[in-house]
């Protein structure tokens, strides 16, 4: 098991934002975590990668406990997150942002890694010398994903990659997510666009009010009347 979360509880003061959840991701899987806004999805990702303290529970990655491991050390171990809101460096150029993503590596492959990102994201090649803060929202999302890939992740955490994007760009982002997964990168995807997330992933977890309500393969979730009504906007006859 590449990632195993056991009894994860996160609190904001006296509020239990995540209520003792369990989830797991096998190496090579693309797993999604869906749910309404405020369900605790992003909080879960932030806790997994050490950006929020655990009230209780265990996060195991590559059979090692991540307790006490600082977030900045995780990329060296292959655990990388693309945060909600992208988190790019707006004053740096596209190329400089990509170089920042490769801070954990200093070998000869960095140049070829960057070239690979320009192949996946041709728009970034066209804008390689442009200040990142002047890019469109979709281009910034592409840059955030490309920067994460520069770290050569074994596990990529994607937090709301479609947020704020036009439908055509959302479709392109999900094509890219599928392509990344096809090259062997394990992905845990948090996404409010439940239909697209379920269509691209193999397994899914449905989160409600800080708890896991349903966990199943995505075919079963797409066929589940409750999931279809609550998250896919389909009425149940």
C-alpha atoms as a PDB file:
ATOM      1  CA  UNK A   1       0.000   0.000   0.000  1.00  0.00           C
ATOM      2  CA  UNK A   2       1.502   3.337  -1.017  1.00  0.00           C
ATOM      3  CA  UNK A   3      -0.714   5.509   1.200  1.00  0.00           C
ATOM      4  CA  UNK A   4      -2.783   4.385   4.167  1.00  0.00           C
ATOM      5  CA  UNK A   5      -4.781   6.751   6.352  1.00  0.00           C
ATOM      6  CA  UNK A   6      -6.117   5.235   9.573  1.00  0.00           C
ATOM      7  CA  UNK A   7      -8.508   6.984  11.963  1.00  0.00           C
ATOM      8  CA  UNK A   8      -7.558  10.462  10.739  1.00  0.00           C
ATOM      9  CA  UNK A   9      -9.090  13.207  12.849  1.00  0.00           C
ATOM     10  CA  UNK A  10      -8.443  16.917  12.338  1.00  0.00           C
ATOM     11  CA  UNK A  11      -9.841  19.686  14.506  1.00  0.00           C
ATOM     12  CA  UNK A  12     -10.094  23.435  14.167  1.00  0.00           C
ATOM     13  CA  UNK A  13     -10.373  24.442  17.796  1.00  0.00           C
ATOM     14  CA  UNK A  14     -13.293  22.445  19.133  1.00  0.00           C
ATOM     15  CA  UNK A  15     -14.701  21.648  15.679  1.00  0.00           C
ATOM     16  CA  UNK A  16     -14.071  18.136  14.329  1.00  0.00           C
ATOM     17  CA  UNK A  17     -13.452  18.877  10.644  1.00  0.00           C
ATOM     18  CA  UNK A  18     -12.375  15.308   9.825  1.00  0.00           C
ATOM     19  CA  UNK A  19     -13.876  12.596  12.008  1.00  0.00           C
ATOM     20  CA  UNK A  20     -11.630   9.561  12.158  1.00  0.00           C
ATOM     21  CA  UNK A  21     -11.596   8.536   8.496  1.00  0.00           C
ATOM     22  CA  UNK A  22      -9.810   5.627   6.822  1.00  0.00           C
ATOM     23  CA  UNK A  23      -8.651   5.601   3.213  1.00  0.00           C
ATOM     24  CA  UNK A  24      -5.984   3.905   1.147  1.00  0.00           C
ATOM     25  CA  UNK A  25      -4.278   4.298  -2.217  1.00  0.00           C
ATOM     26  CA  UNK A  26      -2.417   1.483  -3.934  1.00  0.00           C
ATOM     27  CA  UNK A  27       0.647   2.203  -6.049  1.00  0.00           C
ATOM     28  CA  UNK A  28      -0.434   3.062  -9.615  1.00  0.00           C
ATOM     29  CA  UNK A  29      -4.020   3.922  -8.667  1.00  0.00           C
ATOM     30  CA  UNK A  30      -5.978   7.061  -9.403  1.00  0.00           C
ATOM     31  CA  UNK A  31      -8.360   7.517  -6.473  1.00  0.00           C
ATOM     32  CA  UNK A  32     -10.797  10.388  -6.014  1.00  0.00           C
ATOM     33  CA  UNK A  33     -12.276  11.971  -2.912  1.00  0.00           C
ATOM     34  CA  UNK A  34     -15.534  13.773  -3.645  1.00  0.00           C
ATOM     35  CA  UNK A  35     -18.125  15.586  -1.572  1.00  0.00           C
ATOM     36  CA  UNK A  36     -19.840  18.887  -1.023  1.00  0.00           C
ATOM     37  CA  UNK A  37     -17.972  22.079  -0.241  1.00  0.00           C
ATOM     38  CA  UNK A  38     -16.959  21.981   3.424  1.00  0.00           C
ATOM     39  CA  UNK A  39     -17.085  18.197   3.703  1.00  0.00           C
ATOM     40  CA  UNK A  40     -13.425  18.036   4.774  1.00  0.00           C
ATOM     41  CA  UNK A  41     -11.775  16.959   1.518  1.00  0.00           C
ATOM     42  CA  UNK A  42      -9.073  19.632   1.312  1.00  0.00           C
ATOM     43  CA  UNK A  43      -8.474  19.419   5.051  1.00  0.00           C
ATOM     44  CA  UNK A  44      -7.782  15.710   4.591  1.00  0.00           C
ATOM     45  CA  UNK A  45      -5.171  16.363   1.901  1.00  0.00           C
ATOM     46  CA  UNK A  46      -3.502  19.081   3.950  1.00  0.00           C
ATOM     47  CA  UNK A  47      -3.320  16.764   6.940  1.00  0.00           C
ATOM     48  CA  UNK A  48      -1.853  13.927   4.872  1.00  0.00           C
ATOM     49  CA  UNK A  49       1.030  16.106   3.721  1.00  0.00           C
ATOM     50  CA  UNK A  50       1.700  17.673   7.114  1.00  0.00           C
ATOM     51  CA  UNK A  51       0.257  21.133   6.539  1.00  0.00           C
ATOM     52  CA  UNK A  52      -2.291  20.588   9.314  1.00  0.00           C
ATOM     53  CA  UNK A  53      -1.683  18.797  12.611  1.00  0.00           C
ATOM     54  CA  UNK A  54      -3.486  15.533  13.307  1.00  0.00           C
ATOM     55  CA  UNK A  55      -5.651  15.415  16.398  1.00  0.00           C
ATOM     56  CA  UNK A  56      -5.452  11.634  16.163  1.00  0.00           C
ATOM     57  CA  UNK A  57      -4.865   8.869  13.654  1.00  0.00           C
ATOM     58  CA  UNK A  58      -2.021   7.672  11.474  1.00  0.00           C
ATOM     59  CA  UNK A  59      -0.783   8.497   7.977  1.00  0.00           C
ATOM     60  CA  UNK A  60       1.465   5.827   6.489  1.00  0.00           C
ATOM     61  CA  UNK A  61       3.343   6.354   3.233  1.00  0.00           C
ATOM     62  CA  UNK A  62       5.560   3.687   1.669  1.00  0.00           C
ATOM     63  CA  UNK A  63       5.077   1.680   4.896  1.00  0.00           C
ATOM     64  CA  UNK A  64       6.510   4.498   7.007  1.00  0.00           C
ATOM     65  CA  UNK A  65       4.640   6.657   9.540  1.00  0.00           C
ATOM     66  CA  UNK A  66       4.623  10.321   8.537  1.00  0.00           C
ATOM     67  CA  UNK A  67       4.136  11.542  12.121  1.00  0.00           C
ATOM     68  CA  UNK A  68       6.617  14.313  12.810  1.00  0.00           C
ATOM     69  CA  UNK A  69       7.891  14.507   9.216  1.00  0.00           C
ATOM     70  CA  UNK A  70       7.916  18.195   8.149  1.00  0.00           C
ATOM     71  CA  UNK A  71       5.900  18.967   5.025  1.00  0.00           C
ATOM     72  CA  UNK A  72       8.930  20.387   3.202  1.00  0.00           C
ATOM     73  CA  UNK A  73      10.693  17.017   3.424  1.00  0.00           C
ATOM     74  CA  UNK A  74       7.921  15.038   1.734  1.00  0.00           C
ATOM     75  CA  UNK A  75       8.785  15.947  -1.897  1.00  0.00           C
ATOM     76  CA  UNK A  76      12.172  14.262  -1.402  1.00  0.00           C
ATOM     77  CA  UNK A  77      10.211  11.115  -0.570  1.00  0.00           C
ATOM     78  CA  UNK A  78       8.001  11.471  -3.642  1.00  0.00           C
ATOM     79  CA  UNK A  79       4.873  12.881  -1.958  1.00  0.00           C
ATOM     80  CA  UNK A  80       3.847  16.120  -3.670  1.00  0.00           C
ATOM     81  CA  UNK A  81       0.677  18.226  -3.510  1.00  0.00           C
ATOM     82  CA  UNK A  82      -0.854  20.683  -5.977  1.00  0.00           C
ATOM     83  CA  UNK A  83      -2.801  22.900  -3.565  1.00  0.00           C
ATOM     84  CA  UNK A  84      -6.223  24.405  -3.985  1.00  0.00           C
ATOM     85  CA  UNK A  85      -5.689  27.850  -5.496  1.00  0.00           C
ATOM     86  CA  UNK A  86      -2.553  26.658  -7.363  1.00  0.00           C
ATOM     87  CA  UNK A  87       0.061  28.305  -5.124  1.00  0.00           C
ATOM     88  CA  UNK A  88       2.387  29.373  -7.921  1.00  0.00           C
ATOM     89  CA  UNK A  89       5.095  32.002  -7.446  1.00  0.00           C
ATOM     90  CA  UNK A  90       3.482  34.963  -9.283  1.00  0.00           C
ATOM     91  CA  UNK A  91       6.611  37.112  -9.522  1.00  0.00           C
ATOM     92  CA  UNK A  92       8.710  34.336 -11.056  1.00  0.00           C
ATOM     93  CA  UNK A  93       8.616  33.275 -14.683  1.00  0.00           C
ATOM     94  CA  UNK A  94       7.103  30.014 -15.849  1.00  0.00           C
ATOM     95  CA  UNK A  95      10.560  28.526 -16.248  1.00  0.00           C
ATOM     96  CA  UNK A  96      11.630  29.701 -12.794  1.00  0.00           C
ATOM     97  CA  UNK A  97       8.502  28.171 -11.242  1.00  0.00           C
ATOM     98  CA  UNK A  98       9.315  24.846 -12.879  1.00  0.00           C
ATOM     99  CA  UNK A  99      12.891  25.046 -11.621  1.00  0.00           C
ATOM    100  CA  UNK A 100      11.538  25.601  -8.095  1.00  0.00           C
ATOM    101  CA  UNK A 101       9.592  22.365  -8.443  1.00  0.00           C
ATOM    102  CA  UNK A 102      12.853  20.533  -9.082  1.00  0.00           C
ATOM    103  CA  UNK A 103      14.546  21.809  -5.909  1.00  0.00           C
ATOM    104  CA  UNK A 104      14.821  18.245  -4.600  1.00  0.00           C
ATOM    105  CA  UNK A 105      16.898  17.189  -7.603  1.00  0.00           C
ATOM    106  CA  UNK A 106      20.215  18.436  -8.925  1.00  0.00           C
ATOM    107  CA  UNK A 107      21.028  15.812 -11.527  1.00  0.00           C
ATOM    108  CA  UNK A 108      21.245  16.010 -15.296  1.00  0.00           C
ATOM    109  CA  UNK A 109      17.626  14.913 -15.706  1.00  0.00           C
ATOM    110  CA  UNK A 110      16.200  18.260 -14.551  1.00  0.00           C
ATOM    111  CA  UNK A 111      16.571  19.792 -17.998  1.00  0.00           C
ATOM    112  CA  UNK A 112      14.859  16.846 -19.663  1.00  0.00           C
ATOM    113  CA  UNK A 113      12.149  16.914 -16.961  1.00  0.00           C
ATOM    114  CA  UNK A 114      11.398  20.515 -17.889  1.00  0.00           C
ATOM    115  CA  UNK A 115      11.301  19.637 -21.573  1.00  0.00           C
ATOM    116  CA  UNK A 116       8.841  16.876 -20.743  1.00  0.00           C
ATOM    117  CA  UNK A 117       6.555  19.400 -19.032  1.00  0.00           C
ATOM    118  CA  UNK A 118       6.671  21.615 -22.109  1.00  0.00           C
ATOM    119  CA  UNK A 119       5.595  18.610 -24.183  1.00  0.00           C
ATOM    120  CA  UNK A 120       2.631  17.944 -21.880  1.00  0.00           C
ATOM    121  CA  UNK A 121       1.788  21.646 -21.577  1.00  0.00           C
ATOM    122  CA  UNK A 122       2.626  23.395 -24.888  1.00  0.00           C
ATOM    123  CA  UNK A 123       1.156  26.657 -23.611  1.00  0.00           C
ATOM    124  CA  UNK A 124       3.819  26.775 -20.934  1.00  0.00           C
ATOM    125  CA  UNK A 125       6.545  26.446 -23.562  1.00  0.00           C
ATOM    126  CA  UNK A 126       5.073  29.448 -25.371  1.00  0.00           C
ATOM    127  CA  UNK A 127       5.078  31.400 -22.094  1.00  0.00           C
ATOM    128  CA  UNK A 128       8.254  30.071 -20.509  1.00  0.00           C
ATOM    129  CA  UNK A 129       9.686  33.584 -19.992  1.00  0.00           C
ATOM    130  CA  UNK A 130       6.387  35.143 -18.889  1.00  0.00           C
ATOM    131  CA  UNK A 131       5.736  36.121 -15.288  1.00  0.00           C
ATOM    132  CA  UNK A 132       3.468  33.474 -13.798  1.00  0.00           C
ATOM    133  CA  UNK A 133       1.106  35.973 -12.205  1.00  0.00           C
ATOM    134  CA  UNK A 134       0.125  37.246 -15.667  1.00  0.00           C
ATOM    135  CA  UNK A 135      -1.032  33.819 -16.886  1.00  0.00           C
ATOM    136  CA  UNK A 136      -4.708  32.912 -17.226  1.00  0.00           C
ATOM    137  CA  UNK A 137      -6.307  30.744 -14.559  1.00  0.00           C
ATOM    138  CA  UNK A 138      -6.060  27.653 -16.716  1.00  0.00           C
ATOM    139  CA  UNK A 139      -2.419  28.307 -17.528  1.00  0.00           C
ATOM    140  CA  UNK A 140      -1.657  28.813 -13.844  1.00  0.00           C
ATOM    141  CA  UNK A 141      -3.277  25.451 -13.058  1.00  0.00           C
ATOM    142  CA  UNK A 142      -1.183  23.803 -15.762  1.00  0.00           C
ATOM    143  CA  UNK A 143       1.910  25.432 -14.270  1.00  0.00           C
ATOM    144  CA  UNK A 144       1.033  24.236 -10.762  1.00  0.00           C
ATOM    145  CA  UNK A 145       0.688  20.645 -11.987  1.00  0.00           C
ATOM    146  CA  UNK A 146       3.832  20.856 -14.116  1.00  0.00           C
ATOM    147  CA  UNK A 147       5.815  22.267 -11.194  1.00  0.00           C
ATOM    148  CA  UNK A 148       4.677  19.349  -9.017  1.00  0.00           C
ATOM    149  CA  UNK A 149       5.713  16.861 -11.704  1.00  0.00           C
ATOM    150  CA  UNK A 150       9.210  18.365 -11.721  1.00  0.00           C
ATOM    151  CA  UNK A 151       9.673  16.750  -8.300  1.00  0.00           C
ATOM    152  CA  UNK A 152       9.089  13.293  -9.913  1.00  0.00           C
ATOM    153  CA  UNK A 153       6.295  12.343  -7.525  1.00  0.00           C
ATOM    154  CA  UNK A 154       5.414   8.793  -6.606  1.00  0.00           C
ATOM    155  CA  UNK A 155       2.156  10.088  -5.116  1.00  0.00           C
ATOM    156  CA  UNK A 156       0.531  13.265  -6.418  1.00  0.00           C
ATOM    157  CA  UNK A 157      -2.178  14.941  -4.335  1.00  0.00           C
ATOM    158  CA  UNK A 158      -4.408  17.143  -6.509  1.00  0.00           C
ATOM    159  CA  UNK A 159      -6.690  19.560  -4.676  1.00  0.00           C
ATOM    160  CA  UNK A 160      -9.591  20.940  -6.761  1.00  0.00           C
ATOM    161  CA  UNK A 161      -7.715  21.245 -10.095  1.00  0.00           C
ATOM    162  CA  UNK A 162     -10.854  22.408 -11.961  1.00  0.00           C
ATOM    163  CA  UNK A 163     -11.737  25.227  -9.577  1.00  0.00           C
ATOM    164  CA  UNK A 164     -12.542  28.492 -11.355  1.00  0.00           C
ATOM    165  CA  UNK A 165     -11.806  27.203 -14.850  1.00  0.00           C
ATOM    166  CA  UNK A 166     -13.911  27.417 -18.003  1.00  0.00           C
ATOM    167  CA  UNK A 167     -15.449  24.094 -19.139  1.00  0.00           C
ATOM    168  CA  UNK A 168     -13.050  23.608 -22.049  1.00  0.00           C
ATOM    169  CA  UNK A 169     -10.058  24.101 -19.782  1.00  0.00           C
ATOM    170  CA  UNK A 170     -11.557  21.763 -17.180  1.00  0.00           C
ATOM    171  CA  UNK A 171     -11.804  19.060 -19.840  1.00  0.00           C
ATOM    172  CA  UNK A 172      -8.166  19.643 -20.811  1.00  0.00           C
ATOM    173  CA  UNK A 173      -6.981  19.489 -17.204  1.00  0.00           C
ATOM    174  CA  UNK A 174      -8.704  16.137 -16.736  1.00  0.00           C
ATOM    175  CA  UNK A 175      -7.146  14.825 -19.953  1.00  0.00           C
ATOM    176  CA  UNK A 176      -3.790  15.753 -18.462  1.00  0.00           C
ATOM    177  CA  UNK A 177      -4.626  14.060 -15.152  1.00  0.00           C
ATOM    178  CA  UNK A 178      -5.497  10.895 -17.070  1.00  0.00           C
ATOM    179  CA  UNK A 179      -2.244  11.112 -19.037  1.00  0.00           C
ATOM    180  CA  UNK A 180      -0.164  11.565 -15.873  1.00  0.00           C
ATOM    181  CA  UNK A 181      -1.802   8.519 -14.314  1.00  0.00           C
ATOM    182  CA  UNK A 182      -1.167   6.479 -17.454  1.00  0.00           C
ATOM    183  CA  UNK A 183       2.565   7.084 -16.966  1.00  0.00           C
ATOM    184  CA  UNK A 184       2.495   5.395 -13.569  1.00  0.00           C
ATOM    185  CA  UNK A 185       2.085   8.334 -11.200  1.00  0.00           C
ATOM    186  CA  UNK A 186      -0.232   7.456  -8.310  1.00  0.00           C
ATOM    187  CA  UNK A 187      -2.855  10.169  -7.763  1.00  0.00           C
ATOM    188  CA  UNK A 188      -5.248  11.087  -4.958  1.00  0.00           C
ATOM    189  CA  UNK A 189      -7.667  13.609  -6.435  1.00  0.00           C
ATOM    190  CA  UNK A 190      -9.956  15.927  -4.471  1.00  0.00           C
ATOM    191  CA  UNK A 191     -12.557  17.421  -6.764  1.00  0.00           C
ATOM    192  CA  UNK A 192     -16.002  19.046  -6.515  1.00  0.00           C
ATOM    193  CA  UNK A 193     -16.789  18.129 -10.122  1.00  0.00           C
ATOM    194  CA  UNK A 194     -17.883  14.685  -9.048  1.00  0.00           C
ATOM    195  CA  UNK A 195     -18.771  13.329 -12.468  1.00  0.00           C
ATOM    196  CA  UNK A 196     -15.389  14.102 -14.018  1.00  0.00           C
ATOM    197  CA  UNK A 197     -13.563  12.806 -10.958  1.00  0.00           C
ATOM    198  CA  UNK A 198     -15.500   9.536 -10.997  1.00  0.00           C
ATOM    199  CA  UNK A 199     -15.008   9.131 -14.737  1.00  0.00           C
ATOM    200  CA  UNK A 200     -11.231   9.508 -14.516  1.00  0.00           C
ATOM    201  CA  UNK A 201     -10.585   7.531 -11.306  1.00  0.00           C
ATOM    202  CA  UNK A 202     -10.705   3.808 -10.592  1.00  0.00           C
ATOM    203  CA  UNK A 203     -11.955   4.060  -7.017  1.00  0.00           C
ATOM    204  CA  UNK A 204     -13.631   6.774  -5.034  1.00  0.00           C
ATOM    205  CA  UNK A 205     -14.535   7.914  -1.556  1.00  0.00           C
ATOM    206  CA  UNK A 206     -17.566  10.091  -0.853  1.00  0.00           C
ATOM    207  CA  UNK A 207     -17.047  12.448   2.080  1.00  0.00           C
ATOM    208  CA  UNK A 208     -19.903  13.984   4.040  1.00  0.00           C
ATOM    209  CA  UNK A 209     -19.525  16.264   7.075  1.00  0.00           C
ATOM    210  CA  UNK A 210     -16.023  15.061   7.858  1.00  0.00           C
ATOM    211  CA  UNK A 211     -16.737  11.350   7.465  1.00  0.00           C
ATOM    212  CA  UNK A 212     -16.458   8.799   4.668  1.00  0.00           C
ATOM    213  CA  UNK A 213     -20.043   8.004   3.679  1.00  0.00           C
ATOM    214  CA  UNK A 214     -19.326   5.607   0.800  1.00  0.00           C
ATOM    215  CA  UNK A 215     -16.218   3.923  -0.614  1.00  0.00           C
ATOM    216  CA  UNK A 216     -16.387   1.865  -3.806  1.00  0.00           C
ATOM    217  CA  UNK A 217     -15.057   1.490  -7.311  1.00  0.00           C
ATOM    218  CA  UNK A 218     -16.162   4.386  -9.465  1.00  0.00           C
ATOM    219  CA  UNK A 219     -18.481   2.323 -11.660  1.00  0.00           C
ATOM    220  CA  UNK A 220     -20.494   1.452  -8.586  1.00  0.00           C
ATOM    221  CA  UNK A 221     -20.502   5.062  -7.410  1.00  0.00           C
ATOM    222  CA  UNK A 222     -21.661   6.318 -10.821  1.00  0.00           C
ATOM    223  CA  UNK A 223     -24.534   3.829 -10.665  1.00  0.00           C
ATOM    224  CA  UNK A 224     -25.455   4.568  -7.036  1.00  0.00           C
ATOM    225  CA  UNK A 225     -28.798   6.451  -6.980  1.00  0.00           C
ATOM    226  CA  UNK A 226     -27.849   8.413  -3.844  1.00  0.00           C
ATOM    227  CA  UNK A 227     -24.532   9.506  -5.328  1.00  0.00           C
ATOM    228  CA  UNK A 228     -26.190  10.413  -8.623  1.00  0.00           C
ATOM    229  CA  UNK A 229     -28.836  12.493  -6.907  1.00  0.00           C
ATOM    230  CA  UNK A 230     -26.559  14.244  -4.408  1.00  0.00           C
ATOM    231  CA  UNK A 231     -23.433  14.809  -6.503  1.00  0.00           C
ATOM    232  CA  UNK A 232     -24.264  14.338 -10.184  1.00  0.00           C
ATOM    233  CA  UNK A 233     -27.432  16.419 -10.279  1.00  0.00           C
ATOM    234  CA  UNK A 234     -29.619  13.543 -11.417  1.00  0.00           C
ATOM    235  CA  UNK A 235     -33.074  13.050  -9.948  1.00  0.00           C
ATOM    236  CA  UNK A 236     -34.070   9.589  -8.829  1.00  0.00           C
ATOM    237  CA  UNK A 237     -37.328   8.289 -10.243  1.00  0.00           C
END
